[in-house]
Amino acid sequence: MFAYEGMLPEVSKRKIEGLKKHYNIQDENTLKFFTTHMVADSKHTADWLKLLSDNNSYSVEKLEEAARSTCKALNSFLDGVMTANQISCH
């Protein structure tokens, strides 16, 4: 989650820039998904950094398993988003 959320503020910023530049989307409500992630995931990343620095007693094996299960959960989430998008487009 740390790695995923750590990159989202910059990704969201660039998405907003692209939507404004290439599609002339200026409406804050339309951009809200990305502006929300710019703020929320910056905070989440700081929280993760604190958690990880305060708890250095985790074994490498536990951290690797947590990373694997998180990636699997994120992939399932993104699969669900794709499926929902395909259904709403038909």
PDB file of N, CA and C in Angstrom:
ATOM      1  N   MET A   1       0.834  -1.195   0.000  1.00  0.00           N
ATOM      2  CA  MET A   1       0.000   0.000   0.000  1.00  0.00           C
ATOM      3  C   MET A   1       0.874   1.252   0.000  1.00  0.00           C
ATOM      4  N   PHE A   2       1.993   1.196   0.734  1.00  0.00           N
ATOM      5  CA  PHE A   2       2.892   2.354   0.787  1.00  0.00           C
ATOM      6  C   PHE A   2       3.373   2.714  -0.620  1.00  0.00           C
ATOM      7  N   ALA A   3       3.839   1.724  -1.358  1.00  0.00           N
ATOM      8  CA  ALA A   3       4.354   1.984  -2.705  1.00  0.00           C
ATOM      9  C   ALA A   3       3.243   2.477  -3.633  1.00  0.00           C
ATOM     10  N   TYR A   4       2.077   1.865  -3.541  1.00  0.00           N
ATOM     11  CA  TYR A   4       0.964   2.243  -4.400  1.00  0.00           C
ATOM     12  C   TYR A   4       0.489   3.665  -4.084  1.00  0.00           C
ATOM     13  N   GLU A   5       0.222   3.915  -2.805  1.00  0.00           N
ATOM     14  CA  GLU A   5      -0.279   5.233  -2.426  1.00  0.00           C
ATOM     15  C   GLU A   5       0.799   6.306  -2.550  1.00  0.00           C
ATOM     16  N   GLY A   6       2.050   5.893  -2.446  1.00  0.00           N
ATOM     17  CA  GLY A   6       3.143   6.851  -2.555  1.00  0.00           C
ATOM     18  C   GLY A   6       3.254   7.493  -3.928  1.00  0.00           C
ATOM     19  N   MET A   7       2.819   6.762  -4.958  1.00  0.00           N
ATOM     20  CA  MET A   7       2.934   7.321  -6.308  1.00  0.00           C
ATOM     21  C   MET A   7       1.658   8.024  -6.769  1.00  0.00           C
ATOM     22  N   LEU A   8       0.550   7.811  -6.087  1.00  0.00           N
ATOM     23  CA  LEU A   8      -0.723   8.366  -6.555  1.00  0.00           C
ATOM     24  C   LEU A   8      -0.810   9.889  -6.550  1.00  0.00           C
ATOM     25  N   PRO A   9      -0.237  10.604  -5.583  1.00  0.00           N
ATOM     26  CA  PRO A   9      -0.340  12.063  -5.668  1.00  0.00           C
ATOM     27  C   PRO A   9       0.268  12.623  -6.959  1.00  0.00           C
ATOM     28  N   GLU A  10       1.439  12.125  -7.345  1.00  0.00           N
ATOM     29  CA  GLU A  10       2.075  12.614  -8.580  1.00  0.00           C
ATOM     30  C   GLU A  10       1.305  12.149  -9.812  1.00  0.00           C
ATOM     31  N   VAL A  11       0.833  10.918  -9.808  1.00  0.00           N
ATOM     32  CA  VAL A  11       0.032  10.411 -10.929  1.00  0.00           C
ATOM     33  C   VAL A  11      -1.244  11.244 -11.063  1.00  0.00           C
ATOM     34  N   SER A  12      -1.897  11.521  -9.952  1.00  0.00           N
ATOM     35  CA  SER A  12      -3.123  12.329  -9.979  1.00  0.00           C
ATOM     36  C   SER A  12      -2.856  13.737 -10.504  1.00  0.00           C
ATOM     37  N   LYS A  13      -1.762  14.323 -10.069  1.00  0.00           N
ATOM     38  CA  LYS A  13      -1.384  15.662 -10.541  1.00  0.00           C
ATOM     39  C   LYS A  13      -1.213  15.662 -12.053  1.00  0.00           C
ATOM     40  N   ARG A  14      -0.532  14.669 -12.568  1.00  0.00           N
ATOM     41  CA  ARG A  14      -0.302  14.599 -14.017  1.00  0.00           C
ATOM     42  C   ARG A  14      -1.597  14.301 -14.781  1.00  0.00           C
ATOM     43  N   LYS A  15      -2.477  13.520 -14.192  1.00  0.00           N
ATOM     44  CA  LYS A  15      -3.781  13.265 -14.834  1.00  0.00           C
ATOM     45  C   LYS A  15      -4.568  14.558 -14.954  1.00  0.00           C
ATOM     46  N   ILE A  16      -4.576  15.350 -13.882  1.00  0.00           N
ATOM     47  CA  ILE A  16      -5.282  16.634 -13.911  1.00  0.00           C
ATOM     48  C   ILE A  16      -4.687  17.536 -14.982  1.00  0.00           C
ATOM     49  N   GLU A  17      -3.366  17.609 -15.017  1.00  0.00           N
ATOM     50  CA  GLU A  17      -2.700  18.442 -16.033  1.00  0.00           C
ATOM     51  C   GLU A  17      -3.098  18.010 -17.439  1.00  0.00           C
ATOM     52  N   GLY A  18      -3.107  16.686 -17.691  1.00  0.00           N
ATOM     53  CA  GLY A  18      -3.469  16.169 -19.004  1.00  0.00           C
ATOM     54  C   GLY A  18      -4.925  16.429 -19.357  1.00  0.00           C
ATOM     55  N   LEU A  19      -5.810  16.236 -18.389  1.00  0.00           N
ATOM     56  CA  LEU A  19      -7.232  16.488 -18.642  1.00  0.00           C
ATOM     57  C   LEU A  19      -7.483  17.962 -18.954  1.00  0.00           C
ATOM     58  N   LYS A  20      -6.790  18.829 -18.249  1.00  0.00           N
ATOM     59  CA  LYS A  20      -6.952  20.269 -18.514  1.00  0.00           C
ATOM     60  C   LYS A  20      -6.370  20.652 -19.862  1.00  0.00           C
ATOM     61  N   LYS A  21      -5.172  20.156 -20.142  1.00  0.00           N
ATOM     62  CA  LYS A  21      -4.471  20.542 -21.370  1.00  0.00           C
ATOM     63  C   LYS A  21      -5.100  19.932 -22.621  1.00  0.00           C
ATOM     64  N   HIS A  22      -5.365  18.642 -22.596  1.00  0.00           N
ATOM     65  CA  HIS A  22      -5.795  17.948 -23.808  1.00  0.00           C
ATOM     66  C   HIS A  22      -7.311  17.899 -23.999  1.00  0.00           C
ATOM     67  N   TYR A  23      -8.062  18.040 -22.900  1.00  0.00           N
ATOM     68  CA  TYR A  23      -9.523  17.937 -23.003  1.00  0.00           C
ATOM     69  C   TYR A  23     -10.236  19.184 -22.496  1.00  0.00           C
ATOM     70  N   ASN A  24      -9.462  20.169 -22.067  1.00  0.00           N
ATOM     71  CA  ASN A  24      -9.999  21.436 -21.563  1.00  0.00           C
ATOM     72  C   ASN A  24     -11.014  21.207 -20.440  1.00  0.00           C
ATOM     73  N   ILE A  25     -10.755  20.217 -19.600  1.00  0.00           N
ATOM     74  CA  ILE A  25     -11.626  19.952 -18.453  1.00  0.00           C
ATOM     75  C   ILE A  25     -11.138  20.820 -17.299  1.00  0.00           C
ATOM     76  N   GLN A  26     -11.975  21.732 -16.854  1.00  0.00           N
ATOM     77  CA  GLN A  26     -11.622  22.661 -15.791  1.00  0.00           C
ATOM     78  C   GLN A  26     -12.509  22.507 -14.560  1.00  0.00           C
ATOM     79  N   ASP A  27     -13.624  21.837 -14.723  1.00  0.00           N
ATOM     80  CA  ASP A  27     -14.614  21.695 -13.664  1.00  0.00           C
ATOM     81  C   ASP A  27     -14.039  20.922 -12.482  1.00  0.00           C
ATOM     82  N   GLU A  28     -14.028  21.541 -11.310  1.00  0.00           N
ATOM     83  CA  GLU A  28     -13.453  20.924 -10.114  1.00  0.00           C
ATOM     84  C   GLU A  28     -14.177  19.640  -9.718  1.00  0.00           C
ATOM     85  N   ASN A  29     -15.470  19.583  -9.936  1.00  0.00           N
ATOM     86  CA  ASN A  29     -16.224  18.379  -9.598  1.00  0.00           C
ATOM     87  C   ASN A  29     -15.775  17.201 -10.470  1.00  0.00           C
ATOM     88  N   THR A  30     -15.510  17.474 -11.732  1.00  0.00           N
ATOM     89  CA  THR A  30     -15.045  16.436 -12.654  1.00  0.00           C
ATOM     90  C   THR A  30     -13.652  15.954 -12.265  1.00  0.00           C
ATOM     91  N   LEU A  31     -12.826  16.849 -11.765  1.00  0.00           N
ATOM     92  CA  LEU A  31     -11.444  16.522 -11.398  1.00  0.00           C
ATOM     93  C   LEU A  31     -11.321  16.031  -9.953  1.00  0.00           C
ATOM     94  N   LYS A  32     -12.435  15.997  -9.237  1.00  0.00           N
ATOM     95  CA  LYS A  32     -12.416  15.715  -7.797  1.00  0.00           C
ATOM     96  C   LYS A  32     -11.755  14.379  -7.441  1.00  0.00           C
ATOM     97  N   PHE A  33     -11.973  13.346  -8.229  1.00  0.00           N
ATOM     98  CA  PHE A  33     -11.346  12.052  -7.948  1.00  0.00           C
ATOM     99  C   PHE A  33      -9.836  12.223  -7.815  1.00  0.00           C
ATOM    100  N   PHE A  34      -9.244  12.953  -8.752  1.00  0.00           N
ATOM    101  CA  PHE A  34      -7.791  13.113  -8.759  1.00  0.00           C
ATOM    102  C   PHE A  34      -7.313  14.086  -7.688  1.00  0.00           C
ATOM    103  N   THR A  35      -8.060  15.170  -7.456  1.00  0.00           N
ATOM    104  CA  THR A  35      -7.641  16.112  -6.414  1.00  0.00           C
ATOM    105  C   THR A  35      -7.746  15.464  -5.035  1.00  0.00           C
ATOM    106  N   THR A  36      -8.750  14.632  -4.856  1.00  0.00           N
ATOM    107  CA  THR A  36      -8.899  13.910  -3.582  1.00  0.00           C
ATOM    108  C   THR A  36      -7.691  13.005  -3.342  1.00  0.00           C
ATOM    109  N   HIS A  37      -7.272  12.288  -4.371  1.00  0.00           N
ATOM    110  CA  HIS A  37      -6.126  11.391  -4.212  1.00  0.00           C
ATOM    111  C   HIS A  37      -4.816  12.144  -4.027  1.00  0.00           C
ATOM    112  N   MET A  38      -4.708  13.316  -4.597  1.00  0.00           N
ATOM    113  CA  MET A  38      -3.496  14.112  -4.376  1.00  0.00           C
ATOM    114  C   MET A  38      -3.328  14.409  -2.890  1.00  0.00           C
ATOM    115  N   VAL A  39      -4.405  14.746  -2.227  1.00  0.00           N
ATOM    116  CA  VAL A  39      -4.357  15.114  -0.809  1.00  0.00           C
ATOM    117  C   VAL A  39      -4.349  13.871   0.089  1.00  0.00           C
ATOM    118  N   ALA A  40      -5.317  13.007  -0.115  1.00  0.00           N
ATOM    119  CA  ALA A  40      -5.472  11.854   0.783  1.00  0.00           C
ATOM    120  C   ALA A  40      -4.272  10.918   0.733  1.00  0.00           C
ATOM    121  N   ASP A  41      -3.784  10.627  -0.455  1.00  0.00           N
ATOM    122  CA  ASP A  41      -2.679   9.673  -0.538  1.00  0.00           C
ATOM    123  C   ASP A  41      -1.352  10.273  -0.102  1.00  0.00           C
ATOM    124  N   SER A  42      -1.224  11.583  -0.120  1.00  0.00           N
ATOM    125  CA  SER A  42      -0.043  12.209   0.488  1.00  0.00           C
ATOM    126  C   SER A  42      -0.049  11.958   1.993  1.00  0.00           C
ATOM    127  N   LYS A  43      -1.231  12.101   2.599  1.00  0.00           N
ATOM    128  CA  LYS A  43      -1.357  11.832   4.031  1.00  0.00           C
ATOM    129  C   LYS A  43      -1.143  10.353   4.326  1.00  0.00           C
ATOM    130  N   HIS A  44      -1.729   9.496   3.512  1.00  0.00           N
ATOM    131  CA  HIS A  44      -1.566   8.055   3.722  1.00  0.00           C
ATOM    132  C   HIS A  44      -0.095   7.647   3.629  1.00  0.00           C
ATOM    133  N   THR A  45       0.623   8.227   2.683  1.00  0.00           N
ATOM    134  CA  THR A  45       2.040   7.906   2.526  1.00  0.00           C
ATOM    135  C   THR A  45       2.816   8.315   3.775  1.00  0.00           C
ATOM    136  N   ALA A  46       2.518   9.476   4.296  1.00  0.00           N
ATOM    137  CA  ALA A  46       3.180   9.919   5.533  1.00  0.00           C
ATOM    138  C   ALA A  46       2.848   8.977   6.689  1.00  0.00           C
ATOM    139  N   ASP A  47       1.601   8.542   6.756  1.00  0.00           N
ATOM    140  CA  ASP A  47       1.197   7.584   7.795  1.00  0.00           C
ATOM    141  C   ASP A  47       1.953   6.267   7.649  1.00  0.00           C
ATOM    142  N   TRP A  48       2.077   5.778   6.410  1.00  0.00           N
ATOM    143  CA  TRP A  48       2.810   4.536   6.173  1.00  0.00           C
ATOM    144  C   TRP A  48       4.272   4.677   6.574  1.00  0.00           C
ATOM    145  N   LEU A  49       4.882   5.809   6.210  1.00  0.00           N
ATOM    146  CA  LEU A  49       6.291   6.026   6.581  1.00  0.00           C
ATOM    147  C   LEU A  49       6.469   5.980   8.091  1.00  0.00           C
ATOM    148  N   LYS A  50       5.567   6.608   8.808  1.00  0.00           N
ATOM    149  CA  LYS A  50       5.651   6.592  10.265  1.00  0.00           C
ATOM    150  C   LYS A  50       5.472   5.178  10.802  1.00  0.00           C
ATOM    151  N   LEU A  51       4.471   4.478  10.294  1.00  0.00           N
ATOM    152  CA  LEU A  51       4.222   3.114  10.735  1.00  0.00           C
ATOM    153  C   LEU A  51       5.435   2.219  10.473  1.00  0.00           C
ATOM    154  N   LEU A  52       5.988   2.320   9.290  1.00  0.00           N
ATOM    155  CA  LEU A  52       7.126   1.476   8.938  1.00  0.00           C
ATOM    156  C   LEU A  52       8.371   1.826   9.744  1.00  0.00           C
ATOM    157  N   SER A  53       8.582   3.101  10.005  1.00  0.00           N
ATOM    158  CA  SER A  53       9.779   3.491  10.765  1.00  0.00           C
ATOM    159  C   SER A  53       9.632   3.178  12.249  1.00  0.00           C
ATOM    160  N   ASP A  54       8.406   3.171  12.761  1.00  0.00           N
ATOM    161  CA  ASP A  54       8.171   2.875  14.176  1.00  0.00           C
ATOM    162  C   ASP A  54       8.162   1.379  14.471  1.00  0.00           C
ATOM    163  N   ASN A  55       7.975   0.568  13.451  1.00  0.00           N
ATOM    164  CA  ASN A  55       7.820  -0.880  13.652  1.00  0.00           C
ATOM    165  C   ASN A  55       8.828  -1.636  12.797  1.00  0.00           C
ATOM    166  N   ASN A  56      10.083  -1.564  13.156  1.00  0.00           N
ATOM    167  CA  ASN A  56      11.098  -2.231  12.353  1.00  0.00           C
ATOM    168  C   ASN A  56      11.344  -3.667  12.824  1.00  0.00           C
ATOM    169  N   SER A  57      10.400  -4.222  13.567  1.00  0.00           N
ATOM    170  CA  SER A  57      10.555  -5.583  14.066  1.00  0.00           C
ATOM    171  C   SER A  57       9.916  -6.622  13.147  1.00  0.00           C
ATOM    172  N   TYR A  58       9.333  -6.192  12.019  1.00  0.00           N
ATOM    173  CA  TYR A  58       8.724  -7.141  11.103  1.00  0.00           C
ATOM    174  C   TYR A  58       9.796  -7.928  10.361  1.00  0.00           C
ATOM    175  N   SER A  59       9.546  -9.209  10.173  1.00  0.00           N
ATOM    176  CA  SER A  59      10.489 -10.040   9.421  1.00  0.00           C
ATOM    177  C   SER A  59      10.329  -9.756   7.929  1.00  0.00           C
ATOM    178  N   VAL A  60      11.384 -10.038   7.192  1.00  0.00           N
ATOM    179  CA  VAL A  60      11.347  -9.867   5.746  1.00  0.00           C
ATOM    180  C   VAL A  60      10.235 -10.731   5.147  1.00  0.00           C
ATOM    181  N   GLU A  61      10.079 -11.934   5.670  1.00  0.00           N
ATOM    182  CA  GLU A  61       9.047 -12.836   5.158  1.00  0.00           C
ATOM    183  C   GLU A  61       7.649 -12.251   5.343  1.00  0.00           C
ATOM    184  N   LYS A  62       7.386 -11.672   6.507  1.00  0.00           N
ATOM    185  CA  LYS A  62       6.064 -11.072   6.750  1.00  0.00           C
ATOM    186  C   LYS A  62       5.838  -9.865   5.839  1.00  0.00           C
ATOM    187  N   LEU A  63       6.865  -9.061   5.638  1.00  0.00           N
ATOM    188  CA  LEU A  63       6.737  -7.906   4.755  1.00  0.00           C
ATOM    189  C   LEU A  63       6.510  -8.341   3.313  1.00  0.00           C
ATOM    190  N   GLU A  64       7.216  -9.373   2.867  1.00  0.00           N
ATOM    191  CA  GLU A  64       7.023  -9.869   1.507  1.00  0.00           C
ATOM    192  C   GLU A  64       5.614 -10.425   1.322  1.00  0.00           C
ATOM    193  N   GLU A  65       5.122 -11.171   2.295  1.00  0.00           N
ATOM    194  CA  GLU A  65       3.768 -11.720   2.212  1.00  0.00           C
ATOM    195  C   GLU A  65       2.734 -10.593   2.200  1.00  0.00           C
ATOM    196  N   ALA A  66       2.947  -9.574   3.012  1.00  0.00           N
ATOM    197  CA  ALA A  66       2.034  -8.427   3.019  1.00  0.00           C
ATOM    198  C   ALA A  66       2.036  -7.731   1.666  1.00  0.00           C
ATOM    199  N   ALA A  67       3.208  -7.585   1.058  1.00  0.00           N
ATOM    200  CA  ALA A  67       3.310  -6.953  -0.261  1.00  0.00           C
ATOM    201  C   ALA A  67       2.585  -7.779  -1.310  1.00  0.00           C
ATOM    202  N   ARG A  68       2.773  -9.104  -1.276  1.00  0.00           N
ATOM    203  CA  ARG A  68       2.092  -9.976  -2.241  1.00  0.00           C
ATOM    204  C   ARG A  68       0.571  -9.905  -2.081  1.00  0.00           C
ATOM    205  N   SER A  69       0.094  -9.999  -0.860  1.00  0.00           N
ATOM    206  CA  SER A  69      -1.364  -9.997  -0.658  1.00  0.00           C
ATOM    207  C   SER A  69      -1.963  -8.637  -1.009  1.00  0.00           C
ATOM    208  N   THR A  70      -1.231  -7.563  -0.758  1.00  0.00           N
ATOM    209  CA  THR A  70      -1.713  -6.233  -1.122  1.00  0.00           C
ATOM    210  C   THR A  70      -1.794  -6.086  -2.632  1.00  0.00           C
ATOM    211  N   CYS A  71      -0.764  -6.541  -3.344  1.00  0.00           N
ATOM    212  CA  CYS A  71      -0.786  -6.468  -4.810  1.00  0.00           C
ATOM    213  C   CYS A  71      -1.957  -7.276  -5.377  1.00  0.00           C
ATOM    214  N   LYS A  72      -2.186  -8.445  -4.812  1.00  0.00           N
ATOM    215  CA  LYS A  72      -3.299  -9.281  -5.268  1.00  0.00           C
ATOM    216  C   LYS A  72      -4.640  -8.564  -5.031  1.00  0.00           C
ATOM    217  N   ALA A  73      -4.788  -7.942  -3.868  1.00  0.00           N
ATOM    218  CA  ALA A  73      -6.020  -7.216  -3.563  1.00  0.00           C
ATOM    219  C   ALA A  73      -6.206  -6.020  -4.495  1.00  0.00           C
ATOM    220  N   LEU A  74      -5.127  -5.293  -4.773  1.00  0.00           N
ATOM    221  CA  LEU A  74      -5.225  -4.139  -5.678  1.00  0.00           C
ATOM    222  C   LEU A  74      -5.584  -4.585  -7.088  1.00  0.00           C
ATOM    223  N   ASN A  75      -4.996  -5.692  -7.533  1.00  0.00           N
ATOM    224  CA  ASN A  75      -5.346  -6.206  -8.857  1.00  0.00           C
ATOM    225  C   ASN A  75      -6.813  -6.589  -8.917  1.00  0.00           C
ATOM    226  N   SER A  76      -7.331  -7.212  -7.871  1.00  0.00           N
ATOM    227  CA  SER A  76      -8.754  -7.564  -7.828  1.00  0.00           C
ATOM    228  C   SER A  76      -9.621  -6.316  -7.862  1.00  0.00           C
ATOM    229  N   PHE A  77      -9.199  -5.296  -7.123  1.00  0.00           N
ATOM    230  CA  PHE A  77      -9.926  -4.025  -7.114  1.00  0.00           C
ATOM    231  C   PHE A  77      -9.959  -3.434  -8.518  1.00  0.00           C
ATOM    232  N   LEU A  78      -8.806  -3.384  -9.174  1.00  0.00           N
ATOM    233  CA  LEU A  78      -8.734  -2.791 -10.506  1.00  0.00           C
ATOM    234  C   LEU A  78      -9.502  -3.632 -11.529  1.00  0.00           C
ATOM    235  N   ASP A  79      -9.500  -4.964 -11.360  1.00  0.00           N
ATOM    236  CA  ASP A  79     -10.322  -5.814 -12.228  1.00  0.00           C
ATOM    237  C   ASP A  79     -11.794  -5.461 -12.072  1.00  0.00           C
ATOM    238  N   GLY A  80     -12.213  -5.213 -10.837  1.00  0.00           N
ATOM    239  CA  GLY A  80     -13.601  -4.834 -10.576  1.00  0.00           C
ATOM    240  C   GLY A  80     -13.954  -3.499 -11.201  1.00  0.00           C
ATOM    241  N   VAL A  81     -13.031  -2.555 -11.141  1.00  0.00           N
ATOM    242  CA  VAL A  81     -13.256  -1.248 -11.769  1.00  0.00           C
ATOM    243  C   VAL A  81     -13.412  -1.425 -13.279  1.00  0.00           C
ATOM    244  N   MET A  82     -12.549  -2.240 -13.855  1.00  0.00           N
ATOM    245  CA  MET A  82     -12.617  -2.467 -15.305  1.00  0.00           C
ATOM    246  C   MET A  82     -13.941  -3.130 -15.671  1.00  0.00           C
ATOM    247  N   THR A  83     -14.348  -4.138 -14.916  1.00  0.00           N
ATOM    248  CA  THR A  83     -15.608  -4.823 -15.184  1.00  0.00           C
ATOM    249  C   THR A  83     -16.790  -3.869 -15.068  1.00  0.00           C
ATOM    250  N   ALA A  84     -16.804  -3.071 -14.015  1.00  0.00           N
ATOM    251  CA  ALA A  84     -17.890  -2.106 -13.828  1.00  0.00           C
ATOM    252  C   ALA A  84     -17.923  -1.098 -14.970  1.00  0.00           C
ATOM    253  N   ASN A  85     -16.759  -0.677 -15.420  1.00  0.00           N
ATOM    254  CA  ASN A  85     -16.682   0.274 -16.526  1.00  0.00           C
ATOM    255  C   ASN A  85     -17.196  -0.351 -17.808  1.00  0.00           C
ATOM    256  N   GLN A  86     -16.868  -1.608 -18.053  1.00  0.00           N
ATOM    257  CA  GLN A  86     -17.339  -2.284 -19.265  1.00  0.00           C
ATOM    258  C   GLN A  86     -18.856  -2.442 -19.232  1.00  0.00           C
ATOM    259  N   ILE A  87     -19.396  -2.743 -18.075  1.00  0.00           N
ATOM    260  CA  ILE A  87     -20.849  -2.909 -17.946  1.00  0.00           C
ATOM    261  C   ILE A  87     -21.551  -1.567 -18.187  1.00  0.00           C
ATOM    262  N   SER A  88     -21.011  -0.482 -17.625  1.00  0.00           N
ATOM    263  CA  SER A  88     -21.675   0.816 -17.756  1.00  0.00           C
ATOM    264  C   SER A  88     -21.543   1.387 -19.158  1.00  0.00           C
ATOM    265  N   CYS A  89     -20.587   0.884 -19.944  1.00  0.00           N
ATOM    266  CA  CYS A  89     -20.395   1.390 -21.309  1.00  0.00           C
ATOM    267  C   CYS A  89     -21.303   0.698 -22.313  1.00  0.00           C
ATOM    268  N   HIS A  90     -21.952  -0.379 -21.907  1.00  0.00           N
ATOM    269  CA  HIS A  90     -22.816  -1.113 -22.845  1.00  0.00           C
ATOM    270  C   HIS A  90     -24.241  -0.699 -22.729  1.00  0.00           C
TER     271      HIS A  90
END
